Amino acid sequence: MTKKNKNIIIGLIAIAIIGIAGWFSFSQNKTTNNKKSHIVTVGIVSSTKAKQDIWDHAAALAKKKYGVTIKIKSFTDYNQPNSAVKDGDIDLNAFQHYAFLKAWNKANHNGVVAIGRTEINPIRLYSKKYHQLSQLPSGATIAVPNDATNESRALFVLKNAGFIKLRPGKDLVTIADIVQNPKKLKIKEVSADQCGRVVSSVDAAVVNNDFARPAGLGKKETIFVEPVNKDSLQWVNIICTRKGEENNKDYQAVVKAYQTAETKALIKKYYGDATIPAWDVKF
């Protein structure tokens, strides 16, 4: 064998080795990427045993039926999960309703979209002076939260209770949008965390669920429950992702794994009638 032929053979062997190594590297990377694509991180706020059990069930089903691994990341406040989704730090989040998402997108130039409903948590009108709506007198004082989103929701509660009529065609309303108030109710605006505390000093108050229990408010003090209808659609909680990722099969699998009869049973177990599964509700 001449020196020239020997060098050619050595060169061909080197090329073959490099090619094989490259193929294995590509194959390994492809496998790794495929594996990663089946891991979906879901952001929630303030994980509780109830939330954890519900998502554990969804995760087990997602893994078994769709080959998708769900990882839960818990956040401490409502300002973080949407930014984390938009920035790609997490894949999905499940902590907000449509109204919150709409307001966040408006303030942050969009980027997050809803891909599935979870539940709705109806809020209530409480009173320690009266036991029925019909007992509320003309000129009664009713406390409502003073922040834009919660005040709007409270006013829709009063509308559905039959006390007031609101300017049509608006999702977010204020006291200025009350067009009829036949009982001449006096609407008192207070911070959301104070509504439960002032119930004793007013005739009634619309109190967010987060503040009702700490204030000792329950069925005994409830005189009206927010109905599930077209007015309350904007308060339905949702699973969200980045804009453009709505049709991601792994993300859709997470939604399907959550929206089951078993999830409904767990919601009933932990929350009773305080939370209503909303993915198949007709609004």
C-alpha atoms as a PDB file:
ATOM      1  CA  MET A   1       0.000   0.000   0.000  1.00  0.00           C
ATOM      2  CA  THR A   2       1.419   3.322  -1.027  1.00  0.00           C
ATOM      3  CA  LYS A   3       1.696   6.162   1.453  1.00  0.00           C
ATOM      4  CA  LYS A   4      -0.855   8.138  -0.571  1.00  0.00           C
ATOM      5  CA  ASN A   5      -3.451   5.324  -0.466  1.00  0.00           C
ATOM      6  CA  LYS A   6      -2.827   4.846   3.253  1.00  0.00           C
ATOM      7  CA  ASN A   7      -3.537   8.515   3.899  1.00  0.00           C
ATOM      8  CA  ILE A   8      -6.745   8.324   1.844  1.00  0.00           C
ATOM      9  CA  ILE A   9      -7.979   5.328   3.866  1.00  0.00           C
ATOM     10  CA  ILE A  10      -7.132   7.020   7.153  1.00  0.00           C
ATOM     11  CA  GLY A  11      -9.020  10.119   5.979  1.00  0.00           C
ATOM     12  CA  LEU A  12     -12.097   8.109   5.021  1.00  0.00           C
ATOM     13  CA  ILE A  13     -12.071   6.334   8.394  1.00  0.00           C
ATOM     14  CA  ALA A  14     -11.855   9.687  10.192  1.00  0.00           C
ATOM     15  CA  ILE A  15     -14.762  11.065   8.168  1.00  0.00           C
ATOM     16  CA  ALA A  16     -16.824   7.961   8.970  1.00  0.00           C
ATOM     17  CA  ILE A  17     -16.076   8.268  12.696  1.00  0.00           C
ATOM     18  CA  ILE A  18     -17.051  11.941  12.701  1.00  0.00           C
ATOM     19  CA  GLY A  19     -20.252  11.144  10.801  1.00  0.00           C
ATOM     20  CA  ILE A  20     -21.235   8.358  13.207  1.00  0.00           C
ATOM     21  CA  ALA A  21     -20.490  10.545  16.219  1.00  0.00           C
ATOM     22  CA  GLY A  22     -22.524  13.355  14.718  1.00  0.00           C
ATOM     23  CA  TRP A  23     -25.453  11.031  14.039  1.00  0.00           C
ATOM     24  CA  PHE A  24     -25.447   9.731  17.615  1.00  0.00           C
ATOM     25  CA  SER A  25     -25.215  13.285  18.919  1.00  0.00           C
ATOM     26  CA  PHE A  26     -28.153  14.371  16.748  1.00  0.00           C
ATOM     27  CA  SER A  27     -30.146  11.311  17.759  1.00  0.00           C
ATOM     28  CA  GLN A  28     -29.467  11.943  21.454  1.00  0.00           C
ATOM     29  CA  ASN A  29     -30.386  15.624  21.178  1.00  0.00           C
ATOM     30  CA  LYS A  30     -33.540  14.749  19.296  1.00  0.00           C
ATOM     31  CA  THR A  31     -34.509  12.236  21.960  1.00  0.00           C
ATOM     32  CA  THR A  32     -33.768  14.765  24.706  1.00  0.00           C
ATOM     33  CA  ASN A  33     -35.794  17.473  22.965  1.00  0.00           C
ATOM     34  CA  ASN A  34     -38.701  15.108  22.421  1.00  0.00           C
ATOM     35  CA  LYS A  35     -38.561  14.138  26.074  1.00  0.00           C
ATOM     36  CA  LYS A  36     -38.522  17.777  27.144  1.00  0.00           C
ATOM     37  CA  SER A  37     -41.451  18.584  24.876  1.00  0.00           C
ATOM     38  CA  HIS A  38     -43.611  16.228  26.968  1.00  0.00           C
ATOM     39  CA  ILE A  39     -42.883  18.031  30.237  1.00  0.00           C
ATOM     40  CA  VAL A  40     -45.368  20.829  30.882  1.00  0.00           C
ATOM     41  CA  THR A  41     -44.872  23.276  33.747  1.00  0.00           C
ATOM     42  CA  VAL A  42     -48.041  24.808  35.190  1.00  0.00           C
ATOM     43  CA  GLY A  43     -47.947  27.891  37.401  1.00  0.00           C
ATOM     44  CA  ILE A  44     -50.459  28.294  40.217  1.00  0.00           C
ATOM     45  CA  VAL A  45     -50.748  30.729  43.130  1.00  0.00           C
ATOM     46  CA  SER A  46     -50.499  29.652  46.791  1.00  0.00           C
ATOM     47  CA  SER A  47     -50.670  25.889  46.555  1.00  0.00           C
ATOM     48  CA  THR A  48     -53.044  24.246  49.055  1.00  0.00           C
ATOM     49  CA  LYS A  49     -53.715  20.584  49.766  1.00  0.00           C
ATOM     50  CA  ALA A  50     -56.911  20.800  47.733  1.00  0.00           C
ATOM     51  CA  LYS A  51     -55.164  22.337  44.719  1.00  0.00           C
ATOM     52  CA  GLN A  52     -52.297  19.889  45.016  1.00  0.00           C
ATOM     53  CA  ASP A  53     -54.595  16.853  45.137  1.00  0.00           C
ATOM     54  CA  ILE A  54     -56.583  18.071  42.132  1.00  0.00           C
ATOM     55  CA  TRP A  55     -53.460  18.708  40.070  1.00  0.00           C
ATOM     56  CA  ASP A  56     -51.880  15.435  41.236  1.00  0.00           C
ATOM     57  CA  HIS A  57     -54.885  13.614  39.819  1.00  0.00           C
ATOM     58  CA  ALA A  58     -54.674  15.545  36.545  1.00  0.00           C
ATOM     59  CA  ALA A  59     -50.941  14.827  36.360  1.00  0.00           C
ATOM     60  CA  ALA A  60     -51.441  11.097  36.830  1.00  0.00           C
ATOM     61  CA  LEU A  61     -54.025  11.008  34.047  1.00  0.00           C
ATOM     62  CA  ALA A  62     -51.921  13.181  31.716  1.00  0.00           C
ATOM     63  CA  LYS A  63     -48.966  10.847  32.179  1.00  0.00           C
ATOM     64  CA  LYS A  64     -50.958   7.648  31.734  1.00  0.00           C
ATOM     65  CA  LYS A  65     -53.217   8.673  28.857  1.00  0.00           C
ATOM     66  CA  TYR A  66     -51.177  11.270  26.960  1.00  0.00           C
ATOM     67  CA  GLY A  67     -47.558  10.670  27.971  1.00  0.00           C
ATOM     68  CA  VAL A  68     -47.298  14.216  29.354  1.00  0.00           C
ATOM     69  CA  THR A  69     -45.541  14.996  32.637  1.00  0.00           C
ATOM     70  CA  ILE A  70     -47.052  17.924  34.559  1.00  0.00           C
ATOM     71  CA  LYS A  71     -44.823  19.899  36.883  1.00  0.00           C
ATOM     72  CA  ILE A  72     -46.387  22.450  39.242  1.00  0.00           C
ATOM     73  CA  LYS A  73     -44.679  25.738  40.076  1.00  0.00           C
ATOM     74  CA  SER A  74     -46.256  27.769  42.888  1.00  0.00           C
ATOM     75  CA  PHE A  75     -46.143  31.578  42.912  1.00  0.00           C
ATOM     76  CA  THR A  76     -46.774  33.866  45.870  1.00  0.00           C
ATOM     77  CA  ASP A  77     -48.740  36.620  44.114  1.00  0.00           C
ATOM     78  CA  TYR A  78     -50.876  37.306  41.064  1.00  0.00           C
ATOM     79  CA  ASN A  79     -48.336  39.506  39.278  1.00  0.00           C
ATOM     80  CA  GLN A  80     -45.887  36.733  38.395  1.00  0.00           C
ATOM     81  CA  PRO A  81     -47.585  33.811  36.566  1.00  0.00           C
ATOM     82  CA  ASN A  82     -48.615  35.684  33.406  1.00  0.00           C
ATOM     83  CA  SER A  83     -45.177  37.252  32.992  1.00  0.00           C
ATOM     84  CA  ALA A  84     -43.631  33.808  33.497  1.00  0.00           C
ATOM     85  CA  VAL A  85     -45.817  32.365  30.720  1.00  0.00           C
ATOM     86  CA  LYS A  86     -45.171  35.255  28.353  1.00  0.00           C
ATOM     87  CA  ASP A  87     -41.414  35.054  28.941  1.00  0.00           C
ATOM     88  CA  GLY A  88     -41.358  31.270  28.461  1.00  0.00           C
ATOM     89  CA  ASP A  89     -40.294  30.460  32.021  1.00  0.00           C
ATOM     90  CA  ILE A  90     -43.364  28.226  32.402  1.00  0.00           C
ATOM     91  CA  ASP A  91     -45.727  26.697  29.842  1.00  0.00           C
ATOM     92  CA  LEU A  92     -49.159  27.232  31.386  1.00  0.00           C
ATOM     93  CA  ASN A  93     -50.773  28.885  34.371  1.00  0.00           C
ATOM     94  CA  ALA A  94     -54.043  28.267  36.184  1.00  0.00           C
ATOM     95  CA  PHE A  95     -54.902  31.001  38.687  1.00  0.00           C
ATOM     96  CA  GLN A  96     -56.996  33.736  37.045  1.00  0.00           C
ATOM     97  CA  HIS A  97     -60.376  34.458  35.492  1.00  0.00           C
ATOM     98  CA  TYR A  98     -61.116  35.992  32.096  1.00  0.00           C
ATOM     99  CA  ALA A  99     -61.521  39.505  33.540  1.00  0.00           C
ATOM    100  CA  PHE A 100     -58.093  39.424  35.190  1.00  0.00           C
ATOM    101  CA  LEU A 101     -56.466  38.118  32.005  1.00  0.00           C
ATOM    102  CA  LYS A 102     -58.133  40.824  29.911  1.00  0.00           C
ATOM    103  CA  ALA A 103     -56.898  43.559  32.240  1.00  0.00           C
ATOM    104  CA  TRP A 104     -53.374  42.069  32.383  1.00  0.00           C
ATOM    105  CA  ASN A 105     -53.117  41.775  28.610  1.00  0.00           C
ATOM    106  CA  LYS A 106     -54.273  45.355  28.190  1.00  0.00           C
ATOM    107  CA  ALA A 107     -51.603  46.579  30.600  1.00  0.00           C
ATOM    108  CA  ASN A 108     -48.842  44.326  29.243  1.00  0.00           C
ATOM    109  CA  HIS A 109     -49.388  44.434  25.479  1.00  0.00           C
ATOM    110  CA  ASN A 110     -51.018  41.006  25.276  1.00  0.00           C
ATOM    111  CA  GLY A 111     -49.099  37.747  24.978  1.00  0.00           C
ATOM    112  CA  VAL A 112     -51.218  35.357  27.092  1.00  0.00           C
ATOM    113  CA  VAL A 113     -54.343  33.478  25.970  1.00  0.00           C
ATOM    114  CA  ALA A 114     -56.879  31.124  27.564  1.00  0.00           C
ATOM    115  CA  ILE A 115     -57.042  27.525  26.321  1.00  0.00           C
ATOM    116  CA  GLY A 116     -59.438  25.922  28.810  1.00  0.00           C
ATOM    117  CA  ARG A 117     -61.841  26.627  31.678  1.00  0.00           C
ATOM    118  CA  THR A 118     -61.494  25.255  35.183  1.00  0.00           C
ATOM    119  CA  GLU A 119     -63.993  26.567  37.733  1.00  0.00           C
ATOM    120  CA  ILE A 120     -65.920  29.559  38.977  1.00  0.00           C
ATOM    121  CA  ASN A 121     -66.116  30.669  42.601  1.00  0.00           C
ATOM    122  CA  PRO A 122     -69.404  32.546  43.067  1.00  0.00           C
ATOM    123  CA  ILE A 123     -69.217  35.467  45.477  1.00  0.00           C
ATOM    124  CA  ARG A 124     -72.018  36.333  47.876  1.00  0.00           C
ATOM    125  CA  LEU A 125     -74.040  39.146  49.378  1.00  0.00           C
ATOM    126  CA  TYR A 126     -73.883  38.887  53.177  1.00  0.00           C
ATOM    127  CA  SER A 127     -75.905  40.495  55.932  1.00  0.00           C
ATOM    128  CA  LYS A 128     -75.989  40.216  59.712  1.00  0.00           C
ATOM    129  CA  LYS A 129     -79.197  42.244  59.983  1.00  0.00           C
ATOM    130  CA  TYR A 130     -81.421  40.492  57.441  1.00  0.00           C
ATOM    131  CA  HIS A 131     -82.007  36.916  56.355  1.00  0.00           C
ATOM    132  CA  GLN A 132     -83.666  37.472  52.981  1.00  0.00           C
ATOM    133  CA  LEU A 133     -83.237  39.864  50.072  1.00  0.00           C
ATOM    134  CA  SER A 134     -86.819  41.044  50.430  1.00  0.00           C
ATOM    135  CA  GLN A 135     -86.083  42.319  53.933  1.00  0.00           C
ATOM    136  CA  LEU A 136     -83.532  44.894  52.751  1.00  0.00           C
ATOM    137  CA  PRO A 137     -85.230  48.296  53.178  1.00  0.00           C
ATOM    138  CA  SER A 138     -85.249  51.223  50.789  1.00  0.00           C
ATOM    139  CA  GLY A 139     -82.148  53.324  51.289  1.00  0.00           C
ATOM    140  CA  ALA A 140     -80.166  50.356  52.607  1.00  0.00           C
ATOM    141  CA  THR A 141     -76.394  50.743  52.637  1.00  0.00           C
ATOM    142  CA  ILE A 142     -74.463  48.043  50.804  1.00  0.00           C
ATOM    143  CA  ALA A 143     -70.678  47.805  50.902  1.00  0.00           C
ATOM    144  CA  VAL A 144     -68.770  46.784  47.770  1.00  0.00           C
ATOM    145  CA  PRO A 145     -65.019  46.497  47.014  1.00  0.00           C
ATOM    146  CA  ASN A 146     -63.545  49.709  45.646  1.00  0.00           C
ATOM    147  CA  ASP A 147     -61.042  48.266  43.135  1.00  0.00           C
ATOM    148  CA  ALA A 148     -62.181  48.257  39.520  1.00  0.00           C
ATOM    149  CA  THR A 149     -62.516  44.525  38.886  1.00  0.00           C
ATOM    150  CA  ASN A 150     -64.122  43.519  42.170  1.00  0.00           C
ATOM    151  CA  GLU A 151     -66.445  46.537  42.266  1.00  0.00           C
ATOM    152  CA  SER A 152     -67.703  45.663  38.800  1.00  0.00           C
ATOM    153  CA  ARG A 153     -68.346  42.083  39.859  1.00  0.00           C
ATOM    154  CA  ALA A 154     -70.165  43.235  42.998  1.00  0.00           C
ATOM    155  CA  LEU A 155     -72.414  45.545  40.985  1.00  0.00           C
ATOM    156  CA  PHE A 156     -73.325  42.678  38.672  1.00  0.00           C
ATOM    157  CA  VAL A 157     -74.246  40.685  41.791  1.00  0.00           C
ATOM    158  CA  LEU A 158     -76.614  43.487  42.837  1.00  0.00           C
ATOM    159  CA  LYS A 159     -78.001  43.590  39.312  1.00  0.00           C
ATOM    160  CA  ASN A 160     -78.709  39.852  39.342  1.00  0.00           C
ATOM    161  CA  ALA A 161     -80.264  40.200  42.793  1.00  0.00           C
ATOM    162  CA  GLY A 162     -82.781  42.539  41.174  1.00  0.00           C
ATOM    163  CA  PHE A 163     -81.735  45.708  42.986  1.00  0.00           C
ATOM    164  CA  ILE A 164     -80.209  47.775  40.190  1.00  0.00           C
ATOM    165  CA  LYS A 165     -79.922  48.011  36.422  1.00  0.00           C
ATOM    166  CA  LEU A 166     -76.606  48.728  34.728  1.00  0.00           C
ATOM    167  CA  ARG A 167     -75.666  50.438  31.506  1.00  0.00           C
ATOM    168  CA  PRO A 168     -75.767  47.684  28.859  1.00  0.00           C
ATOM    169  CA  GLY A 169     -72.835  46.555  26.756  1.00  0.00           C
ATOM    170  CA  LYS A 170     -70.078  46.953  29.357  1.00  0.00           C
ATOM    171  CA  ASP A 171     -68.032  44.229  31.042  1.00  0.00           C
ATOM    172  CA  LEU A 172     -66.362  46.524  33.559  1.00  0.00           C
ATOM    173  CA  VAL A 173     -68.811  48.833  35.318  1.00  0.00           C
ATOM    174  CA  THR A 174     -68.718  51.407  38.102  1.00  0.00           C
ATOM    175  CA  ILE A 175     -71.311  53.129  40.249  1.00  0.00           C
ATOM    176  CA  ALA A 176     -71.649  55.693  37.436  1.00  0.00           C
ATOM    177  CA  ASP A 177     -73.079  52.897  35.249  1.00  0.00           C
ATOM    178  CA  ILE A 178     -76.092  52.335  37.526  1.00  0.00           C
ATOM    179  CA  VAL A 179     -79.040  53.514  35.429  1.00  0.00           C
ATOM    180  CA  GLN A 180     -81.831  52.373  37.735  1.00  0.00           C
ATOM    181  CA  ASN A 181     -81.834  52.072  41.527  1.00  0.00           C
ATOM    182  CA  PRO A 182     -85.513  51.873  42.557  1.00  0.00           C
ATOM    183  CA  LYS A 183     -84.757  51.061  46.219  1.00  0.00           C
ATOM    184  CA  LYS A 184     -82.356  54.006  46.374  1.00  0.00           C
ATOM    185  CA  LEU A 185     -79.600  51.799  47.750  1.00  0.00           C
ATOM    186  CA  LYS A 186     -76.529  53.585  49.065  1.00  0.00           C
ATOM    187  CA  ILE A 187     -73.426  51.930  47.646  1.00  0.00           C
ATOM    188  CA  LYS A 188     -70.459  52.254  50.007  1.00  0.00           C
ATOM    189  CA  GLU A 189     -67.052  51.632  48.448  1.00  0.00           C
ATOM    190  CA  VAL A 190     -64.418  50.119  50.739  1.00  0.00           C
ATOM    191  CA  SER A 191     -61.247  48.134  50.116  1.00  0.00           C
ATOM    192  CA  ALA A 192     -61.880  44.487  49.279  1.00  0.00           C
ATOM    193  CA  ASP A 193     -60.192  43.230  52.450  1.00  0.00           C
ATOM    194  CA  GLN A 194     -62.461  45.458  54.579  1.00  0.00           C
ATOM    195  CA  CYS A 195     -65.827  44.416  53.105  1.00  0.00           C
ATOM    196  CA  GLY A 196     -66.111  41.427  55.401  1.00  0.00           C
ATOM    197  CA  ARG A 197     -65.268  43.524  58.450  1.00  0.00           C
ATOM    198  CA  VAL A 198     -67.896  46.203  57.836  1.00  0.00           C
ATOM    199  CA  VAL A 199     -70.845  43.813  57.417  1.00  0.00           C
ATOM    200  CA  SER A 200     -72.040  44.581  60.956  1.00  0.00           C
ATOM    201  CA  SER A 201     -72.051  48.330  60.323  1.00  0.00           C
ATOM    202  CA  VAL A 202     -73.939  48.263  57.009  1.00  0.00           C
ATOM    203  CA  ASP A 203     -77.112  46.540  55.864  1.00  0.00           C
ATOM    204  CA  ALA A 204     -75.291  44.137  53.551  1.00  0.00           C
ATOM    205  CA  ALA A 205     -71.949  43.679  51.796  1.00  0.00           C
ATOM    206  CA  VAL A 206     -70.627  41.894  48.739  1.00  0.00           C
ATOM    207  CA  VAL A 207     -67.522  40.095  49.988  1.00  0.00           C
ATOM    208  CA  ASN A 208     -64.874  38.229  47.999  1.00  0.00           C
ATOM    209  CA  ASN A 209     -64.449  34.591  48.960  1.00  0.00           C
ATOM    210  CA  ASP A 210     -60.868  35.163  50.108  1.00  0.00           C
ATOM    211  CA  PHE A 211     -62.092  37.553  52.792  1.00  0.00           C
ATOM    212  CA  ALA A 212     -65.465  36.042  53.708  1.00  0.00           C
ATOM    213  CA  ARG A 213     -64.229  33.071  55.733  1.00  0.00           C
ATOM    214  CA  PRO A 214     -61.661  35.034  57.784  1.00  0.00           C
ATOM    215  CA  ALA A 215     -64.483  37.456  58.622  1.00  0.00           C
ATOM    216  CA  GLY A 216     -66.636  34.593  59.927  1.00  0.00           C
ATOM    217  CA  LEU A 217     -69.162  34.820  57.092  1.00  0.00           C
ATOM    218  CA  GLY A 218     -70.906  31.677  55.927  1.00  0.00           C
ATOM    219  CA  LYS A 219     -74.276  30.279  54.870  1.00  0.00           C
ATOM    220  CA  LYS A 220     -76.026  31.810  57.865  1.00  0.00           C
ATOM    221  CA  GLU A 221     -75.124  35.343  56.732  1.00  0.00           C
ATOM    222  CA  THR A 222     -75.624  34.685  53.002  1.00  0.00           C
ATOM    223  CA  ILE A 223     -78.688  36.324  51.467  1.00  0.00           C
ATOM    224  CA  PHE A 224     -77.729  36.000  47.780  1.00  0.00           C
ATOM    225  CA  VAL A 225     -75.268  33.940  45.736  1.00  0.00           C
ATOM    226  CA  GLU A 226     -73.845  35.132  42.431  1.00  0.00           C
ATOM    227  CA  PRO A 227     -75.613  33.107  39.707  1.00  0.00           C
ATOM    228  CA  VAL A 228     -73.767  31.308  36.935  1.00  0.00           C
ATOM    229  CA  ASN A 229     -74.950  33.085  33.798  1.00  0.00           C
ATOM    230  CA  LYS A 230     -73.628  35.271  30.973  1.00  0.00           C
ATOM    231  CA  ASP A 231     -72.817  38.049  33.459  1.00  0.00           C
ATOM    232  CA  SER A 232     -70.540  35.739  35.424  1.00  0.00           C
ATOM    233  CA  LEU A 233     -68.727  34.217  32.433  1.00  0.00           C
ATOM    234  CA  GLN A 234     -65.901  36.730  32.818  1.00  0.00           C
ATOM    235  CA  TRP A 235     -65.235  35.402  36.328  1.00  0.00           C
ATOM    236  CA  VAL A 236     -64.591  31.828  35.183  1.00  0.00           C
ATOM    237  CA  ASN A 237     -61.061  30.651  36.025  1.00  0.00           C
ATOM    238  CA  ILE A 238     -58.935  29.477  33.125  1.00  0.00           C
ATOM    239  CA  ILE A 239     -55.794  27.668  32.017  1.00  0.00           C
ATOM    240  CA  CYS A 240     -53.574  29.968  29.934  1.00  0.00           C
ATOM    241  CA  THR A 241     -50.521  29.805  27.693  1.00  0.00           C
ATOM    242  CA  ARG A 242     -48.441  32.016  25.397  1.00  0.00           C
ATOM    243  CA  LYS A 243     -50.134  33.505  22.383  1.00  0.00           C
ATOM    244  CA  GLY A 244     -49.454  31.248  19.419  1.00  0.00           C
ATOM    245  CA  GLU A 245     -49.207  28.084  21.534  1.00  0.00           C
ATOM    246  CA  GLU A 246     -52.960  27.481  21.787  1.00  0.00           C
ATOM    247  CA  ASN A 247     -52.866  24.296  19.697  1.00  0.00           C
ATOM    248  CA  ASN A 248     -49.841  22.697  21.352  1.00  0.00           C
ATOM    249  CA  LYS A 249     -50.874  19.043  21.779  1.00  0.00           C
ATOM    250  CA  ASP A 250     -49.150  18.647  25.145  1.00  0.00           C
ATOM    251  CA  TYR A 251     -50.855  21.748  26.509  1.00  0.00           C
ATOM    252  CA  GLN A 252     -54.236  20.576  25.233  1.00  0.00           C
ATOM    253  CA  ALA A 253     -53.578  17.235  26.906  1.00  0.00           C
ATOM    254  CA  VAL A 254     -53.166  19.025  30.243  1.00  0.00           C
ATOM    255  CA  VAL A 255     -56.547  20.711  29.744  1.00  0.00           C
ATOM    256  CA  LYS A 256     -58.199  17.382  28.922  1.00  0.00           C
ATOM    257  CA  ALA A 257     -56.596  15.719  31.931  1.00  0.00           C
ATOM    258  CA  TYR A 258     -57.991  18.440  34.178  1.00  0.00           C
ATOM    259  CA  GLN A 259     -61.504  18.577  32.738  1.00  0.00           C
ATOM    260  CA  THR A 260     -62.763  15.205  33.988  1.00  0.00           C
ATOM    261  CA  ALA A 261     -65.512  13.788  36.152  1.00  0.00           C
ATOM    262  CA  GLU A 262     -62.860  12.863  38.722  1.00  0.00           C
ATOM    263  CA  THR A 263     -61.780  16.510  38.979  1.00  0.00           C
ATOM    264  CA  LYS A 264     -65.408  17.492  39.508  1.00  0.00           C
ATOM    265  CA  ALA A 265     -65.635  14.997  42.359  1.00  0.00           C
ATOM    266  CA  LEU A 266     -62.491  16.378  43.992  1.00  0.00           C
ATOM    267  CA  ILE A 267     -63.745  19.967  43.674  1.00  0.00           C
ATOM    268  CA  LYS A 268     -66.991  18.913  45.343  1.00  0.00           C
ATOM    269  CA  LYS A 269     -65.060  17.089  48.074  1.00  0.00           C
ATOM    270  CA  TYR A 270     -62.863  20.048  48.962  1.00  0.00           C
ATOM    271  CA  TYR A 271     -65.036  23.054  48.202  1.00  0.00           C
ATOM    272  CA  GLY A 272     -68.650  21.920  48.367  1.00  0.00           C
ATOM    273  CA  ASP A 273     -70.867  24.429  46.560  1.00  0.00           C
ATOM    274  CA  ALA A 274     -68.345  27.265  46.953  1.00  0.00           C
ATOM    275  CA  THR A 275     -66.649  26.249  43.695  1.00  0.00           C
ATOM    276  CA  ILE A 276     -68.376  25.085  40.515  1.00  0.00           C
ATOM    277  CA  PRO A 277     -66.612  23.181  37.699  1.00  0.00           C
ATOM    278  CA  ALA A 278     -67.144  25.424  34.670  1.00  0.00           C
ATOM    279  CA  TRP A 279     -65.749  23.718  31.582  1.00  0.00           C
ATOM    280  CA  ASP A 280     -69.097  22.284  30.462  1.00  0.00           C
ATOM    281  CA  VAL A 281     -71.398  24.971  31.867  1.00  0.00           C
ATOM    282  CA  LYS A 282     -73.594  26.766  29.317  1.00  0.00           C
ATOM    283  CA  PHE A 283     -73.429  30.544  29.762  1.00  0.00           C
END
